[in-house]
Amino acid sequence: MRLRVPRGLRALLGLLLVVLGLFGFLPVLGFWMIPLGIAIAAIDLRPLWRRWRGRPRR
């Protein structure tokens, strides 16, 4: 997934899944979308946190 989808689009997709997951009481949407959205957005956020804290990559 890292190679096929641009960075900003992945973060947007993750945020969209989290927001739609809040409507989990609806038949098509579900609360399962929240952790999935967080996992997808975390792919992009992890390198940003490292740069902000000044930690080198492992």
PDB file of N, CA and C in Angstrom:
ATOM      1  N   MET A   1       0.815  -1.185   0.000  1.00  0.00           N
ATOM      2  CA  MET A   1       0.000   0.000   0.000  1.00  0.00           C
ATOM      3  C   MET A   1       0.867   1.260   0.000  1.00  0.00           C
ATOM      4  N   ARG A   2       2.054   1.184   0.545  1.00  0.00           N
ATOM      5  CA  ARG A   2       2.910   2.366   0.586  1.00  0.00           C
ATOM      6  C   ARG A   2       3.316   2.841  -0.801  1.00  0.00           C
ATOM      7  N   LEU A   3       3.495   1.924  -1.718  1.00  0.00           N
ATOM      8  CA  LEU A   3       3.986   2.294  -3.030  1.00  0.00           C
ATOM      9  C   LEU A   3       2.881   2.723  -3.990  1.00  0.00           C
ATOM     10  N   ARG A   4       1.689   2.280  -3.788  1.00  0.00           N
ATOM     11  CA  ARG A   4       0.630   2.498  -4.765  1.00  0.00           C
ATOM     12  C   ARG A   4      -0.202   3.740  -4.506  1.00  0.00           C
ATOM     13  N   VAL A   5      -0.294   4.192  -3.275  1.00  0.00           N
ATOM     14  CA  VAL A   5      -1.182   5.304  -2.932  1.00  0.00           C
ATOM     15  C   VAL A   5      -0.341   6.488  -2.456  1.00  0.00           C
ATOM     16  N   PRO A   6      -0.581   7.684  -2.984  1.00  0.00           N
ATOM     17  CA  PRO A   6       0.171   8.851  -2.518  1.00  0.00           C
ATOM     18  C   PRO A   6      -0.071   9.134  -1.036  1.00  0.00           C
ATOM     19  N   ARG A   7       0.906   9.768  -0.397  1.00  0.00           N
ATOM     20  CA  ARG A   7       0.870  10.017   1.039  1.00  0.00           C
ATOM     21  C   ARG A   7      -0.374  10.755   1.503  1.00  0.00           C
ATOM     22  N   GLY A   8      -0.676  11.872   0.904  1.00  0.00           N
ATOM     23  CA  GLY A   8      -1.810  12.678   1.335  1.00  0.00           C
ATOM     24  C   GLY A   8      -3.127  11.943   1.159  1.00  0.00           C
ATOM     25  N   LEU A   9      -3.220  11.166   0.118  1.00  0.00           N
ATOM     26  CA  LEU A   9      -4.445  10.415  -0.141  1.00  0.00           C
ATOM     27  C   LEU A   9      -4.654   9.330   0.909  1.00  0.00           C
ATOM     28  N   ARG A  10      -3.561   8.692   1.347  1.00  0.00           N
ATOM     29  CA  ARG A  10      -3.674   7.677   2.402  1.00  0.00           C
ATOM     30  C   ARG A  10      -4.162   8.293   3.699  1.00  0.00           C
ATOM     31  N   ALA A  11      -3.612   9.446   4.056  1.00  0.00           N
ATOM     32  CA  ALA A  11      -4.029  10.117   5.289  1.00  0.00           C
ATOM     33  C   ALA A  11      -5.486  10.547   5.186  1.00  0.00           C
ATOM     34  N   LEU A  12      -5.889  11.039   4.025  1.00  0.00           N
ATOM     35  CA  LEU A  12      -7.273  11.446   3.818  1.00  0.00           C
ATOM     36  C   LEU A  12      -8.213  10.242   3.892  1.00  0.00           C
ATOM     37  N   LEU A  13      -7.802   9.135   3.304  1.00  0.00           N
ATOM     38  CA  LEU A  13      -8.603   7.905   3.362  1.00  0.00           C
ATOM     39  C   LEU A  13      -8.744   7.424   4.806  1.00  0.00           C
ATOM     40  N   GLY A  14      -7.665   7.469   5.567  1.00  0.00           N
ATOM     41  CA  GLY A  14      -7.730   7.069   6.971  1.00  0.00           C
ATOM     42  C   GLY A  14      -8.662   7.953   7.768  1.00  0.00           C
ATOM     43  N   LEU A  15      -8.577   9.253   7.553  1.00  0.00           N
ATOM     44  CA  LEU A  15      -9.455  10.189   8.249  1.00  0.00           C
ATOM     45  C   LEU A  15     -10.909   9.973   7.857  1.00  0.00           C
ATOM     46  N   LEU A  16     -11.144   9.730   6.581  1.00  0.00           N
ATOM     47  CA  LEU A  16     -12.497   9.466   6.102  1.00  0.00           C
ATOM     48  C   LEU A  16     -13.073   8.197   6.736  1.00  0.00           C
ATOM     49  N   LEU A  17     -12.267   7.152   6.844  1.00  0.00           N
ATOM     50  CA  LEU A  17     -12.737   5.919   7.475  1.00  0.00           C
ATOM     51  C   LEU A  17     -13.075   6.132   8.948  1.00  0.00           C
ATOM     52  N   VAL A  18     -12.273   6.924   9.641  1.00  0.00           N
ATOM     53  CA  VAL A  18     -12.552   7.198  11.053  1.00  0.00           C
ATOM     54  C   VAL A  18     -13.858   7.972  11.189  1.00  0.00           C
ATOM     55  N   VAL A  19     -14.041   8.996  10.370  1.00  0.00           N
ATOM     56  CA  VAL A  19     -15.258   9.806  10.454  1.00  0.00           C
ATOM     57  C   VAL A  19     -16.490   8.967  10.109  1.00  0.00           C
ATOM     58  N   LEU A  20     -16.405   8.179   9.056  1.00  0.00           N
ATOM     59  CA  LEU A  20     -17.545   7.332   8.687  1.00  0.00           C
ATOM     60  C   LEU A  20     -17.771   6.226   9.711  1.00  0.00           C
ATOM     61  N   GLY A  21     -16.722   5.808  10.387  1.00  0.00           N
ATOM     62  CA  GLY A  21     -16.875   4.799  11.428  1.00  0.00           C
ATOM     63  C   GLY A  21     -17.669   5.304  12.616  1.00  0.00           C
ATOM     64  N   LEU A  22     -17.703   6.617  12.810  1.00  0.00           N
ATOM     65  CA  LEU A  22     -18.502   7.184  13.896  1.00  0.00           C
ATOM     66  C   LEU A  22     -19.999   6.989  13.661  1.00  0.00           C
ATOM     67  N   PHE A  23     -20.361   6.738  12.409  1.00  0.00           N
ATOM     68  CA  PHE A  23     -21.750   6.447  12.070  1.00  0.00           C
ATOM     69  C   PHE A  23     -21.967   4.938  12.018  1.00  0.00           C
ATOM     70  N   GLY A  24     -21.362   4.225  12.920  1.00  0.00           N
ATOM     71  CA  GLY A  24     -21.386   2.773  12.931  1.00  0.00           C
ATOM     72  C   GLY A  24     -22.741   2.160  13.191  1.00  0.00           C
ATOM     73  N   PHE A  25     -23.667   2.966  13.645  1.00  0.00           N
ATOM     74  CA  PHE A  25     -25.003   2.443  13.907  1.00  0.00           C
ATOM     75  C   PHE A  25     -25.788   2.257  12.613  1.00  0.00           C
ATOM     76  N   LEU A  26     -25.303   2.807  11.516  1.00  0.00           N
ATOM     77  CA  LEU A  26     -25.972   2.635  10.231  1.00  0.00           C
ATOM     78  C   LEU A  26     -25.648   1.250   9.665  1.00  0.00           C
ATOM     79  N   PRO A  27     -26.542   0.698   8.849  1.00  0.00           N
ATOM     80  CA  PRO A  27     -26.367  -0.684   8.380  1.00  0.00           C
ATOM     81  C   PRO A  27     -25.092  -0.943   7.570  1.00  0.00           C
ATOM     82  N   VAL A  28     -24.706  -0.061   6.670  1.00  0.00           N
ATOM     83  CA  VAL A  28     -23.560  -0.320   5.801  1.00  0.00           C
ATOM     84  C   VAL A  28     -22.249   0.019   6.495  1.00  0.00           C
ATOM     85  N   LEU A  29     -22.237   1.110   7.235  1.00  0.00           N
ATOM     86  CA  LEU A  29     -21.025   1.545   7.917  1.00  0.00           C
ATOM     87  C   LEU A  29     -20.909   0.799   9.238  1.00  0.00           C
ATOM     88  N   GLY A  30     -19.725   0.728   9.762  1.00  0.00           N
ATOM     89  CA  GLY A  30     -19.546   0.016  11.019  1.00  0.00           C
ATOM     90  C   GLY A  30     -18.430   0.605  11.845  1.00  0.00           C
ATOM     91  N   PHE A  31     -18.425   0.242  13.114  1.00  0.00           N
ATOM     92  CA  PHE A  31     -17.399   0.727  14.021  1.00  0.00           C
ATOM     93  C   PHE A  31     -16.031   0.125  13.686  1.00  0.00           C
ATOM     94  N   TRP A  32     -15.992  -0.916  12.861  1.00  0.00           N
ATOM     95  CA  TRP A  32     -14.735  -1.523  12.447  1.00  0.00           C
ATOM     96  C   TRP A  32     -13.910  -0.571  11.602  1.00  0.00           C
ATOM     97  N   MET A  33     -14.540   0.462  11.060  1.00  0.00           N
ATOM     98  CA  MET A  33     -13.843   1.405  10.197  1.00  0.00           C
ATOM     99  C   MET A  33     -12.906   2.320  10.982  1.00  0.00           C
ATOM    100  N   ILE A  34     -13.167   2.519  12.266  1.00  0.00           N
ATOM    101  CA  ILE A  34     -12.347   3.421  13.080  1.00  0.00           C
ATOM    102  C   ILE A  34     -10.926   2.884  13.240  1.00  0.00           C
ATOM    103  N   PRO A  35     -10.721   1.653  13.734  1.00  0.00           N
ATOM    104  CA  PRO A  35      -9.337   1.172  13.846  1.00  0.00           C
ATOM    105  C   PRO A  35      -8.645   1.005  12.487  1.00  0.00           C
ATOM    106  N   LEU A  36      -9.401   0.660  11.456  1.00  0.00           N
ATOM    107  CA  LEU A  36      -8.815   0.537  10.126  1.00  0.00           C
ATOM    108  C   LEU A  36      -8.327   1.896   9.635  1.00  0.00           C
ATOM    109  N   GLY A  37      -9.126   2.933   9.852  1.00  0.00           N
ATOM    110  CA  GLY A  37      -8.728   4.281   9.445  1.00  0.00           C
ATOM    111  C   GLY A  37      -7.508   4.770  10.200  1.00  0.00           C
ATOM    112  N   ILE A  38      -7.440   4.464  11.485  1.00  0.00           N
ATOM    113  CA  ILE A  38      -6.281   4.860  12.288  1.00  0.00           C
ATOM    114  C   ILE A  38      -5.029   4.138  11.790  1.00  0.00           C
ATOM    115  N   ALA A  39      -5.171   2.859  11.455  1.00  0.00           N
ATOM    116  CA  ALA A  39      -4.023   2.091  10.972  1.00  0.00           C
ATOM    117  C   ALA A  39      -3.523   2.627   9.632  1.00  0.00           C
ATOM    118  N   ILE A  40      -4.429   2.986   8.742  1.00  0.00           N
ATOM    119  CA  ILE A  40      -4.028   3.512   7.434  1.00  0.00           C
ATOM    120  C   ILE A  40      -3.379   4.888   7.577  1.00  0.00           C
ATOM    121  N   ALA A  41      -3.944   5.747   8.418  1.00  0.00           N
ATOM    122  CA  ALA A  41      -3.370   7.082   8.610  1.00  0.00           C
ATOM    123  C   ALA A  41      -2.035   7.005   9.341  1.00  0.00           C
ATOM    124  N   ALA A  42      -1.853   6.011  10.191  1.00  0.00           N
ATOM    125  CA  ALA A  42      -0.611   5.888  10.965  1.00  0.00           C
ATOM    126  C   ALA A  42       0.587   5.571  10.076  1.00  0.00           C
ATOM    127  N   ILE A  43       0.353   5.019   8.913  1.00  0.00           N
ATOM    128  CA  ILE A  43       1.451   4.739   7.987  1.00  0.00           C
ATOM    129  C   ILE A  43       2.171   6.035   7.641  1.00  0.00           C
ATOM    130  N   ASP A  44       1.418   7.097   7.456  1.00  0.00           N
ATOM    131  CA  ASP A  44       2.002   8.392   7.113  1.00  0.00           C
ATOM    132  C   ASP A  44       2.400   9.195   8.335  1.00  0.00           C
ATOM    133  N   LEU A  45       1.735   9.021   9.434  1.00  0.00           N
ATOM    134  CA  LEU A  45       1.987   9.863  10.603  1.00  0.00           C
ATOM    135  C   LEU A  45       3.243   9.451  11.367  1.00  0.00           C
ATOM    136  N   ARG A  46       3.611   8.196  11.321  1.00  0.00           N
ATOM    137  CA  ARG A  46       4.788   7.723  12.048  1.00  0.00           C
ATOM    138  C   ARG A  46       6.077   8.447  11.632  1.00  0.00           C
ATOM    139  N   PRO A  47       6.362   8.586  10.330  1.00  0.00           N
ATOM    140  CA  PRO A  47       7.569   9.342   9.957  1.00  0.00           C
ATOM    141  C   PRO A  47       7.502  10.807  10.373  1.00  0.00           C
ATOM    142  N   LEU A  48       6.318  11.389  10.371  1.00  0.00           N
ATOM    143  CA  LEU A  48       6.180  12.784  10.791  1.00  0.00           C
ATOM    144  C   LEU A  48       6.491  12.948  12.272  1.00  0.00           C
ATOM    145  N   TRP A  49       6.047  12.008  13.093  1.00  0.00           N
ATOM    146  CA  TRP A  49       6.337  12.075  14.530  1.00  0.00           C
ATOM    147  C   TRP A  49       7.832  11.949  14.778  1.00  0.00           C
ATOM    148  N   ARG A  50       8.507  11.083  14.020  1.00  0.00           N
ATOM    149  CA  ARG A  50       9.958  10.910  14.195  1.00  0.00           C
ATOM    150  C   ARG A  50      10.709  12.195  13.860  1.00  0.00           C
ATOM    151  N   ARG A  51      10.312  12.837  12.790  1.00  0.00           N
ATOM    152  CA  ARG A  51      10.973  14.088  12.411  1.00  0.00           C
ATOM    153  C   ARG A  51      10.731  15.170  13.449  1.00  0.00           C
ATOM    154  N   TRP A  52       9.516  15.237  13.967  1.00  0.00           N
ATOM    155  CA  TRP A  52       9.167  16.266  14.936  1.00  0.00           C
ATOM    156  C   TRP A  52       9.936  16.076  16.245  1.00  0.00           C
ATOM    157  N   ARG A  53      10.098  14.836  16.660  1.00  0.00           N
ATOM    158  CA  ARG A  53      10.825  14.543  17.896  1.00  0.00           C
ATOM    159  C   ARG A  53      12.325  14.503  17.683  1.00  0.00           C
ATOM    160  N   GLY A  54      12.781  14.385  16.465  1.00  0.00           N
ATOM    161  CA  GLY A  54      14.203  14.350  16.180  1.00  0.00           C
ATOM    162  C   GLY A  54      14.831  12.992  16.370  1.00  0.00           C
ATOM    163  N   ARG A  55      14.016  11.944  16.381  1.00  0.00           N
ATOM    164  CA  ARG A  55      14.552  10.588  16.534  1.00  0.00           C
ATOM    165  C   ARG A  55      15.030  10.049  15.188  1.00  0.00           C
ATOM    166  N   PRO A  56      16.138   9.362  15.201  1.00  0.00           N
ATOM    167  CA  PRO A  56      16.588   8.726  13.951  1.00  0.00           C
ATOM    168  C   PRO A  56      15.765   7.468  13.663  1.00  0.00           C
ATOM    169  N   ARG A  57      15.782   7.067  12.429  1.00  0.00           N
ATOM    170  CA  ARG A  57      15.070   5.859  12.033  1.00  0.00           C
ATOM    171  C   ARG A  57      15.800   4.619  12.496  1.00  0.00           C
ATOM    172  N   ARG A  58      15.067   3.581  12.876  1.00  0.00           N
ATOM    173  CA  ARG A  58      15.692   2.321  13.329  1.00  0.00           C
ATOM    174  C   ARG A  58      16.138   1.484  12.179  1.00  0.00           C
TER     175      ARG A  58
END
